[in-house]
Amino acid sequence: GGASREKVTAAFKIILKDPAVEGILVNIFGGIMK
């Protein structure tokens, strides 16, 4: 709920390290998270 830019960047990179990933869906409902 309260991720920083650095945390989001790390999450994105972890997803892309998976060679099986052929597309990415980001779904964010901002409350505390902006």
Full PDB file with SEQRES, HELIX, SHEET, SSBOND, CRYST1, ORIGX, SCALE, CONECT and MASTER records, all heavy atoms in Angstrom:
SEQRES   1 A   34  GLY GLY ALA SER ARG GLU LYS VAL THR ALA ALA PHE LYS          
SEQRES   2 A   34  ILE ILE LEU LYS ASP PRO ALA VAL GLU GLY ILE LEU VAL          
SEQRES   3 A   34  ASN ILE PHE GLY GLY ILE MET LYS                              
HELIX    1 AA1 ARG A    5  LEU A   16  1                                  12    
CRYST1    1.000    1.000    1.000  90.00  90.00  90.00 P 1           1          
ORIGX1      1.000000  0.000000  0.000000        0.00000                         
ORIGX2      0.000000  1.000000  0.000000        0.00000                         
ORIGX3      0.000000  0.000000  1.000000        0.00000                         
SCALE1      1.000000  0.000000  0.000000        0.00000                         
SCALE2      0.000000  1.000000  0.000000        0.00000                         
SCALE3      0.000000  0.000000  1.000000        0.00000                         
ATOM      1  N   GLY A   1       0.777  -1.237   0.000  1.00  0.00           N  
ATOM      2  CA  GLY A   1       0.000   0.000   0.000  1.00  0.00           C  
ATOM      3  C   GLY A   1       0.800   1.273   0.000  1.00  0.00           C  
ATOM      4  O   GLY A   1       0.294   2.337  -0.341  1.00  0.00           O  
ATOM      5  N   GLY A   2       2.076   1.214   0.375  1.00  0.00           N  
ATOM      6  CA  GLY A   2       2.859   2.442   0.478  1.00  0.00           C  
ATOM      7  C   GLY A   2       4.206   2.339  -0.187  1.00  0.00           C  
ATOM      8  O   GLY A   2       5.220   2.761   0.371  1.00  0.00           O  
ATOM      9  N   ALA A   3       4.235   1.794  -1.388  1.00  0.00           N  
ATOM     10  CA  ALA A   3       5.503   1.548  -2.074  1.00  0.00           C  
ATOM     11  C   ALA A   3       6.132   2.853  -2.563  1.00  0.00           C  
ATOM     12  O   ALA A   3       5.448   3.782  -2.965  1.00  0.00           O  
ATOM     13  CB  ALA A   3       5.288   0.615  -3.256  1.00  0.00           C  
ATOM     14  N   SER A   4       7.457   2.887  -2.542  1.00  0.00           N  
ATOM     15  CA  SER A   4       8.217   4.012  -3.070  1.00  0.00           C  
ATOM     16  C   SER A   4       8.514   3.782  -4.553  1.00  0.00           C  
ATOM     17  O   SER A   4       8.284   2.699  -5.088  1.00  0.00           O  
ATOM     18  CB  SER A   4       9.530   4.158  -2.310  1.00  0.00           C  
ATOM     19  OG  SER A   4      10.340   3.001  -2.522  1.00  0.00           O  
ATOM     20  N   ARG A   5       9.057   4.822  -5.204  1.00  0.00           N  
ATOM     21  CA  ARG A   5       9.452   4.682  -6.605  1.00  0.00           C  
ATOM     22  C   ARG A   5      10.491   3.569  -6.742  1.00  0.00           C  
ATOM     23  O   ARG A   5      10.450   2.785  -7.693  1.00  0.00           O  
ATOM     24  CB  ARG A   5      10.021   6.007  -7.108  1.00  0.00           C  
ATOM     25  CG  ARG A   5      10.710   5.887  -8.461  1.00  0.00           C  
ATOM     26  CD  ARG A   5      11.206   7.226  -8.958  1.00  0.00           C  
ATOM     27  NE  ARG A   5      12.135   7.055 -10.071  1.00  0.00           N  
ATOM     28  CZ  ARG A   5      12.541   8.019 -10.867  1.00  0.00           C  
ATOM     29  NH1 ARG A   5      12.104   9.248 -10.680  1.00  0.00           N  
ATOM     30  NH2 ARG A   5      13.384   7.781 -11.847  1.00  0.00           N  
ATOM     31  N   GLU A   6      11.433   3.488  -5.801  1.00  0.00           N  
ATOM     32  CA  GLU A   6      12.481   2.469  -5.860  1.00  0.00           C  
ATOM     33  C   GLU A   6      11.891   1.067  -5.758  1.00  0.00           C  
ATOM     34  O   GLU A   6      12.325   0.138  -6.443  1.00  0.00           O  
ATOM     35  CB  GLU A   6      13.497   2.691  -4.746  1.00  0.00           C  
ATOM     36  CG  GLU A   6      14.362   3.936  -4.897  1.00  0.00           C  
ATOM     37  CD  GLU A   6      13.597   5.230  -4.640  1.00  0.00           C  
ATOM     38  OE1 GLU A   6      12.567   5.186  -3.917  1.00  0.00           O  
ATOM     39  OE2 GLU A   6      14.021   6.282  -5.160  1.00  0.00           O  
ATOM     40  N   LYS A   7      10.882   0.928  -4.912  1.00  0.00           N  
ATOM     41  CA  LYS A   7      10.245  -0.378  -4.721  1.00  0.00           C  
ATOM     42  C   LYS A   7       9.498  -0.804  -5.990  1.00  0.00           C  
ATOM     43  O   LYS A   7       9.559  -1.963  -6.406  1.00  0.00           O  
ATOM     44  CB  LYS A   7       9.285  -0.297  -3.532  1.00  0.00           C  
ATOM     45  CG  LYS A   7       8.746  -1.630  -3.044  1.00  0.00           C  
ATOM     46  CD  LYS A   7       7.967  -1.425  -1.750  1.00  0.00           C  
ATOM     47  CE  LYS A   7       7.414  -2.733  -1.222  1.00  0.00           C  
ATOM     48  NZ  LYS A   7       6.673  -2.527   0.045  1.00  0.00           N  
ATOM     49  N   VAL A   8       8.816   0.137  -6.591  1.00  0.00           N  
ATOM     50  CA  VAL A   8       8.090  -0.149  -7.827  1.00  0.00           C  
ATOM     51  C   VAL A   8       9.064  -0.517  -8.942  1.00  0.00           C  
ATOM     52  O   VAL A   8       8.828  -1.446  -9.727  1.00  0.00           O  
ATOM     53  CB  VAL A   8       7.225   1.053  -8.228  1.00  0.00           C  
ATOM     54  CG1 VAL A   8       6.631   0.859  -9.614  1.00  0.00           C  
ATOM     55  CG2 VAL A   8       6.120   1.274  -7.212  1.00  0.00           C  
ATOM     56  N   THR A   9      10.168   0.212  -9.020  1.00  0.00           N  
ATOM     57  CA  THR A   9      11.180  -0.076 -10.033  1.00  0.00           C  
ATOM     58  C   THR A   9      11.728  -1.482  -9.857  1.00  0.00           C  
ATOM     59  O   THR A   9      11.889  -2.233 -10.832  1.00  0.00           O  
ATOM     60  CB  THR A   9      12.327   0.950  -9.965  1.00  0.00           C  
ATOM     61  OG1 THR A   9      11.794   2.268 -10.116  1.00  0.00           O  
ATOM     62  CG2 THR A   9      13.358   0.706 -11.053  1.00  0.00           C  
ATOM     63  N   ALA A  10      12.018  -1.848  -8.601  1.00  0.00           N  
ATOM     64  CA  ALA A  10      12.528  -3.189  -8.317  1.00  0.00           C  
ATOM     65  C   ALA A  10      11.511  -4.257  -8.720  1.00  0.00           C  
ATOM     66  O   ALA A  10      11.862  -5.290  -9.307  1.00  0.00           O  
ATOM     67  CB  ALA A  10      12.867  -3.321  -6.840  1.00  0.00           C  
ATOM     68  N   ALA A  11      10.237  -4.005  -8.434  1.00  0.00           N  
ATOM     69  CA  ALA A  11       9.185  -4.965  -8.781  1.00  0.00           C  
ATOM     70  C   ALA A  11       9.109  -5.164 -10.290  1.00  0.00           C  
ATOM     71  O   ALA A  11       8.991  -6.289 -10.789  1.00  0.00           O  
ATOM     72  CB  ALA A  11       7.838  -4.475  -8.246  1.00  0.00           C  
ATOM     73  N   PHE A  12       9.203  -4.073 -11.019  1.00  0.00           N  
ATOM     74  CA  PHE A  12       9.127  -4.132 -12.474  1.00  0.00           C  
ATOM     75  C   PHE A  12      10.284  -4.950 -13.030  1.00  0.00           C  
ATOM     76  O   PHE A  12      10.121  -5.777 -13.932  1.00  0.00           O  
ATOM     77  CB  PHE A  12       9.156  -2.700 -13.021  1.00  0.00           C  
ATOM     78  CG  PHE A  12       8.479  -2.544 -14.337  1.00  0.00           C  
ATOM     79  CD1 PHE A  12       7.096  -2.493 -14.421  1.00  0.00           C  
ATOM     80  CD2 PHE A  12       9.204  -2.437 -15.500  1.00  0.00           C  
ATOM     81  CE1 PHE A  12       6.465  -2.337 -15.640  1.00  0.00           C  
ATOM     82  CE2 PHE A  12       8.589  -2.274 -16.725  1.00  0.00           C  
ATOM     83  CZ  PHE A  12       7.216  -2.231 -16.796  1.00  0.00           C  
ATOM     84  N   LYS A  13      11.471  -4.737 -12.500  1.00  0.00           N  
ATOM     85  CA  LYS A  13      12.652  -5.452 -12.983  1.00  0.00           C  
ATOM     86  C   LYS A  13      12.567  -6.944 -12.678  1.00  0.00           C  
ATOM     87  O   LYS A  13      12.979  -7.787 -13.489  1.00  0.00           O  
ATOM     88  CB  LYS A  13      13.907  -4.854 -12.360  1.00  0.00           C  
ATOM     89  CG  LYS A  13      14.253  -3.470 -12.897  1.00  0.00           C  
ATOM     90  CD  LYS A  13      15.530  -2.942 -12.248  1.00  0.00           C  
ATOM     91  CE  LYS A  13      15.914  -1.576 -12.822  1.00  0.00           C  
ATOM     92  NZ  LYS A  13      17.144  -1.046 -12.194  1.00  0.00           N  
ATOM     93  N   ILE A  14      12.019  -7.284 -11.509  1.00  0.00           N  
ATOM     94  CA  ILE A  14      11.874  -8.696 -11.137  1.00  0.00           C  
ATOM     95  C   ILE A  14      10.932  -9.403 -12.107  1.00  0.00           C  
ATOM     96  O   ILE A  14      11.191 -10.530 -12.553  1.00  0.00           O  
ATOM     97  CB  ILE A  14      11.370  -8.819  -9.683  1.00  0.00           C  
ATOM     98  CG1 ILE A  14      12.491  -8.413  -8.705  1.00  0.00           C  
ATOM     99  CG2 ILE A  14      10.892 -10.243  -9.384  1.00  0.00           C  
ATOM    100  CD1 ILE A  14      12.025  -8.257  -7.273  1.00  0.00           C  
ATOM    101  N   ILE A  15       9.834  -8.749 -12.468  1.00  0.00           N  
ATOM    102  CA  ILE A  15       8.897  -9.339 -13.423  1.00  0.00           C  
ATOM    103  C   ILE A  15       9.596  -9.610 -14.750  1.00  0.00           C  
ATOM    104  O   ILE A  15       9.463 -10.679 -15.353  1.00  0.00           O  
ATOM    105  CB  ILE A  15       7.693  -8.399 -13.645  1.00  0.00           C  
ATOM    106  CG1 ILE A  15       6.828  -8.334 -12.386  1.00  0.00           C  
ATOM    107  CG2 ILE A  15       6.853  -8.872 -14.833  1.00  0.00           C  
ATOM    108  CD1 ILE A  15       5.718  -7.298 -12.472  1.00  0.00           C  
ATOM    109  N   LEU A  16      10.377  -8.636 -15.214  1.00  0.00           N  
ATOM    110  CA  LEU A  16      10.999  -8.746 -16.529  1.00  0.00           C  
ATOM    111  C   LEU A  16      12.162  -9.726 -16.569  1.00  0.00           C  
ATOM    112  O   LEU A  16      12.617 -10.106 -17.653  1.00  0.00           O  
ATOM    113  CB  LEU A  16      11.468  -7.359 -16.990  1.00  0.00           C  
ATOM    114  CG  LEU A  16      10.333  -6.412 -17.392  1.00  0.00           C  
ATOM    115  CD1 LEU A  16      10.846  -5.008 -17.596  1.00  0.00           C  
ATOM    116  CD2 LEU A  16       9.645  -6.909 -18.658  1.00  0.00           C  
ATOM    117  N   LYS A  17      12.656 -10.148 -15.410  1.00  0.00           N  
ATOM    118  CA  LYS A  17      13.719 -11.152 -15.395  1.00  0.00           C  
ATOM    119  C   LYS A  17      13.203 -12.533 -15.767  1.00  0.00           C  
ATOM    120  O   LYS A  17      13.981 -13.421 -16.102  1.00  0.00           O  
ATOM    121  CB  LYS A  17      14.376 -11.203 -14.007  1.00  0.00           C  
ATOM    122  CG  LYS A  17      15.318 -10.040 -13.730  1.00  0.00           C  
ATOM    123  CD  LYS A  17      15.963 -10.173 -12.365  1.00  0.00           C  
ATOM    124  CE  LYS A  17      16.912  -9.006 -12.080  1.00  0.00           C  
ATOM    125  NZ  LYS A  17      17.527  -9.102 -10.739  1.00  0.00           N  
ATOM    126  N   ASP A  18      11.891 -12.708 -15.706  1.00  0.00           N  
ATOM    127  CA  ASP A  18      11.294 -13.994 -16.075  1.00  0.00           C  
ATOM    128  C   ASP A  18      11.218 -14.081 -17.594  1.00  0.00           C  
ATOM    129  O   ASP A  18      10.475 -13.328 -18.231  1.00  0.00           O  
ATOM    130  CB  ASP A  18       9.896 -14.106 -15.464  1.00  0.00           C  
ATOM    131  CG  ASP A  18       9.224 -15.432 -15.754  1.00  0.00           C  
ATOM    132  OD1 ASP A  18       9.806 -16.240 -16.515  1.00  0.00           O  
ATOM    133  OD2 ASP A  18       8.117 -15.661 -15.232  1.00  0.00           O  
ATOM    134  N   PRO A  19      11.958 -14.991 -18.227  1.00  0.00           N  
ATOM    135  CA  PRO A  19      11.961 -15.068 -19.693  1.00  0.00           C  
ATOM    136  C   PRO A  19      10.615 -15.464 -20.281  1.00  0.00           C  
ATOM    137  O   PRO A  19      10.382 -15.279 -21.485  1.00  0.00           O  
ATOM    138  CB  PRO A  19      13.028 -16.133 -19.982  1.00  0.00           C  
ATOM    139  CG  PRO A  19      13.122 -16.949 -18.729  1.00  0.00           C  
ATOM    140  CD  PRO A  19      12.858 -15.983 -17.617  1.00  0.00           C  
ATOM    141  N   ALA A  20       9.717 -16.009 -19.453  1.00  0.00           N  
ATOM    142  CA  ALA A  20       8.404 -16.414 -19.955  1.00  0.00           C  
ATOM    143  C   ALA A  20       7.463 -15.234 -20.137  1.00  0.00           C  
ATOM    144  O   ALA A  20       6.431 -15.357 -20.807  1.00  0.00           O  
ATOM    145  CB  ALA A  20       7.775 -17.430 -18.999  1.00  0.00           C  
ATOM    146  N   VAL A  21       7.791 -14.086 -19.541  1.00  0.00           N  
ATOM    147  CA  VAL A  21       6.905 -12.925 -19.599  1.00  0.00           C  
ATOM    148  C   VAL A  21       6.899 -12.328 -21.008  1.00  0.00           C  
ATOM    149  O   VAL A  21       7.935 -11.912 -21.517  1.00  0.00           O  
ATOM    150  CB  VAL A  21       7.323 -11.861 -18.565  1.00  0.00           C  
ATOM    151  CG1 VAL A  21       6.558 -10.555 -18.793  1.00  0.00           C  
ATOM    152  CG2 VAL A  21       7.072 -12.369 -17.151  1.00  0.00           C  
ATOM    153  N   GLU A  22       5.714 -12.271 -21.618  1.00  0.00           N  
ATOM    154  CA  GLU A  22       5.550 -11.716 -22.958  1.00  0.00           C  
ATOM    155  C   GLU A  22       4.736 -10.425 -22.948  1.00  0.00           C  
ATOM    156  O   GLU A  22       4.527  -9.802 -23.995  1.00  0.00           O  
ATOM    157  CB  GLU A  22       4.872 -12.748 -23.861  1.00  0.00           C  
ATOM    158  CG  GLU A  22       5.693 -14.025 -24.028  1.00  0.00           C  
ATOM    159  CD  GLU A  22       4.958 -15.079 -24.835  1.00  0.00           C  
ATOM    160  OE1 GLU A  22       3.806 -14.825 -25.235  1.00  0.00           O  
ATOM    161  OE2 GLU A  22       5.537 -16.159 -25.063  1.00  0.00           O  
ATOM    162  N   GLY A  23       4.287 -10.024 -21.795  1.00  0.00           N  
ATOM    163  CA  GLY A  23       3.532  -8.781 -21.644  1.00  0.00           C  
ATOM    164  C   GLY A  23       3.324  -8.505 -20.172  1.00  0.00           C  
ATOM    165  O   GLY A  23       3.416  -9.425 -19.348  1.00  0.00           O  
ATOM    166  N   ILE A  24       3.062  -7.235 -19.831  1.00  0.00           N  
ATOM    167  CA  ILE A  24       2.904  -6.864 -18.422  1.00  0.00           C  
ATOM    168  C   ILE A  24       1.635  -6.054 -18.250  1.00  0.00           C  
ATOM    169  O   ILE A  24       1.349  -5.138 -19.035  1.00  0.00           O  
ATOM    170  CB  ILE A  24       4.109  -6.036 -17.928  1.00  0.00           C  
ATOM    171  CG1 ILE A  24       5.397  -6.850 -18.052  1.00  0.00           C  
ATOM    172  CG2 ILE A  24       3.904  -5.597 -16.477  1.00  0.00           C  
ATOM    173  CD1 ILE A  24       6.648  -6.061 -17.705  1.00  0.00           C  
ATOM    174  N   LEU A  25       0.881  -6.394 -17.210  1.00  0.00           N  
ATOM    175  CA  LEU A  25      -0.302  -5.635 -16.823  1.00  0.00           C  
ATOM    176  C   LEU A  25      -0.062  -5.031 -15.443  1.00  0.00           C  
ATOM    177  O   LEU A  25       0.180  -5.765 -14.472  1.00  0.00           O  
ATOM    178  CB  LEU A  25      -1.538  -6.534 -16.789  1.00  0.00           C  
ATOM    179  CG  LEU A  25      -2.827  -5.909 -16.223  1.00  0.00           C  
ATOM    180  CD1 LEU A  25      -3.193  -4.639 -16.975  1.00  0.00           C  
ATOM    181  CD2 LEU A  25      -3.970  -6.908 -16.266  1.00  0.00           C  
ATOM    182  N   VAL A  26      -0.112  -3.711 -15.367  1.00  0.00           N  
ATOM    183  CA  VAL A  26      -0.001  -3.005 -14.091  1.00  0.00           C  
ATOM    184  C   VAL A  26      -1.390  -2.513 -13.719  1.00  0.00           C  
ATOM    185  O   VAL A  26      -2.042  -1.810 -14.507  1.00  0.00           O  
ATOM    186  CB  VAL A  26       0.974  -1.815 -14.190  1.00  0.00           C  
ATOM    187  CG1 VAL A  26       1.023  -1.056 -12.860  1.00  0.00           C  
ATOM    188  CG2 VAL A  26       2.369  -2.304 -14.560  1.00  0.00           C  
ATOM    189  N   ASN A  27      -1.856  -2.891 -12.547  1.00  0.00           N  
ATOM    190  CA  ASN A  27      -3.198  -2.533 -12.094  1.00  0.00           C  
ATOM    191  C   ASN A  27      -3.101  -1.918 -10.701  1.00  0.00           C  
ATOM    192  O   ASN A  27      -2.869  -2.624  -9.716  1.00  0.00           O  
ATOM    193  CB  ASN A  27      -4.092  -3.780 -12.074  1.00  0.00           C  
ATOM    194  CG  ASN A  27      -5.508  -3.455 -11.661  1.00  0.00           C  
ATOM    195  OD1 ASN A  27      -5.978  -2.337 -11.843  1.00  0.00           O  
ATOM    196  ND2 ASN A  27      -6.203  -4.435 -11.091  1.00  0.00           N  
ATOM    197  N   ILE A  28      -3.247  -0.599 -10.633  1.00  0.00           N  
ATOM    198  CA  ILE A  28      -3.057   0.111  -9.367  1.00  0.00           C  
ATOM    199  C   ILE A  28      -4.312   0.883  -9.000  1.00  0.00           C  
ATOM    200  O   ILE A  28      -4.853   1.654  -9.806  1.00  0.00           O  
ATOM    201  CB  ILE A  28      -1.873   1.100  -9.456  1.00  0.00           C  
ATOM    202  CG1 ILE A  28      -0.576   0.348  -9.754  1.00  0.00           C  
ATOM    203  CG2 ILE A  28      -1.749   1.897  -8.166  1.00  0.00           C  
ATOM    204  CD1 ILE A  28      -0.147  -0.642  -8.682  1.00  0.00           C  
ATOM    205  N   PHE A  29      -4.782   0.660  -7.772  1.00  0.00           N  
ATOM    206  CA  PHE A  29      -5.856   1.471  -7.220  1.00  0.00           C  
ATOM    207  C   PHE A  29      -5.234   2.316  -6.111  1.00  0.00           C  
ATOM    208  O   PHE A  29      -4.872   1.806  -5.055  1.00  0.00           O  
ATOM    209  CB  PHE A  29      -6.983   0.610  -6.667  1.00  0.00           C  
ATOM    210  CG  PHE A  29      -8.185   1.413  -6.249  1.00  0.00           C  
ATOM    211  CD1 PHE A  29      -9.163   1.756  -7.174  1.00  0.00           C  
ATOM    212  CD2 PHE A  29      -8.327   1.845  -4.947  1.00  0.00           C  
ATOM    213  CE1 PHE A  29     -10.262   2.508  -6.799  1.00  0.00           C  
ATOM    214  CE2 PHE A  29      -9.423   2.601  -4.563  1.00  0.00           C  
ATOM    215  CZ  PHE A  29     -10.392   2.936  -5.486  1.00  0.00           C  
ATOM    216  N   GLY A  30      -5.077   3.595  -6.378  1.00  0.00           N  
ATOM    217  CA  GLY A  30      -4.351   4.467  -5.460  1.00  0.00           C  
ATOM    218  C   GLY A  30      -5.182   4.895  -4.268  1.00  0.00           C  
ATOM    219  O   GLY A  30      -6.206   5.557  -4.413  1.00  0.00           O  
ATOM    220  N   GLY A  31      -4.705   4.521  -3.095  1.00  0.00           N  
ATOM    221  CA  GLY A  31      -5.261   5.015  -1.844  1.00  0.00           C  
ATOM    222  C   GLY A  31      -4.110   5.706  -1.136  1.00  0.00           C  
ATOM    223  O   GLY A  31      -3.773   6.862  -1.421  1.00  0.00           O  
ATOM    224  N   ILE A  32      -3.459   4.972  -0.241  1.00  0.00           N  
ATOM    225  CA  ILE A  32      -2.198   5.452   0.317  1.00  0.00           C  
ATOM    226  C   ILE A  32      -1.159   5.515  -0.799  1.00  0.00           C  
ATOM    227  O   ILE A  32      -0.372   6.457  -0.894  1.00  0.00           O  
ATOM    228  CB  ILE A  32      -1.720   4.512   1.447  1.00  0.00           C  
ATOM    229  CG1 ILE A  32      -2.740   4.476   2.582  1.00  0.00           C  
ATOM    230  CG2 ILE A  32      -0.352   4.947   1.964  1.00  0.00           C  
ATOM    231  CD1 ILE A  32      -2.440   3.456   3.638  1.00  0.00           C  
ATOM    232  N   MET A  33      -1.181   4.498  -1.650  1.00  0.00           N  
ATOM    233  CA  MET A  33      -0.301   4.467  -2.822  1.00  0.00           C  
ATOM    234  C   MET A  33      -0.760   5.517  -3.824  1.00  0.00           C  
ATOM    235  O   MET A  33      -1.927   5.568  -4.186  1.00  0.00           O  
ATOM    236  CB  MET A  33      -0.352   3.081  -3.459  1.00  0.00           C  
ATOM    237  CG  MET A  33       0.285   2.995  -4.830  1.00  0.00           C  
ATOM    238  SD  MET A  33       2.039   3.189  -4.763  1.00  0.00           S  
ATOM    239  CE  MET A  33       2.493   1.610  -4.071  1.00  0.00           C  
ATOM    240  N   LYS A  34       0.163   6.354  -4.260  1.00  0.00           N  
ATOM    241  CA  LYS A  34      -0.177   7.417  -5.201  1.00  0.00           C  
ATOM    242  C   LYS A  34       0.140   6.967  -6.627  1.00  0.00           C  
ATOM    243  O   LYS A  34       1.200   6.413  -6.896  1.00  0.00           O  
ATOM    244  CB  LYS A  34       0.583   8.703  -4.856  1.00  0.00           C  
ATOM    245  CG  LYS A  34       0.197   9.300  -3.503  1.00  0.00           C  
ATOM    246  CD  LYS A  34       0.997  10.549  -3.229  1.00  0.00           C  
ATOM    247  CE  LYS A  34       0.543  11.224  -1.934  1.00  0.00           C  
ATOM    248  NZ  LYS A  34       0.716  10.358  -0.763  1.00  0.00           N  
TER     249      LYS A  34                                                      
MASTER        0    0    0    1    0    0    0    6  248    1    0    3          
END                                                                             
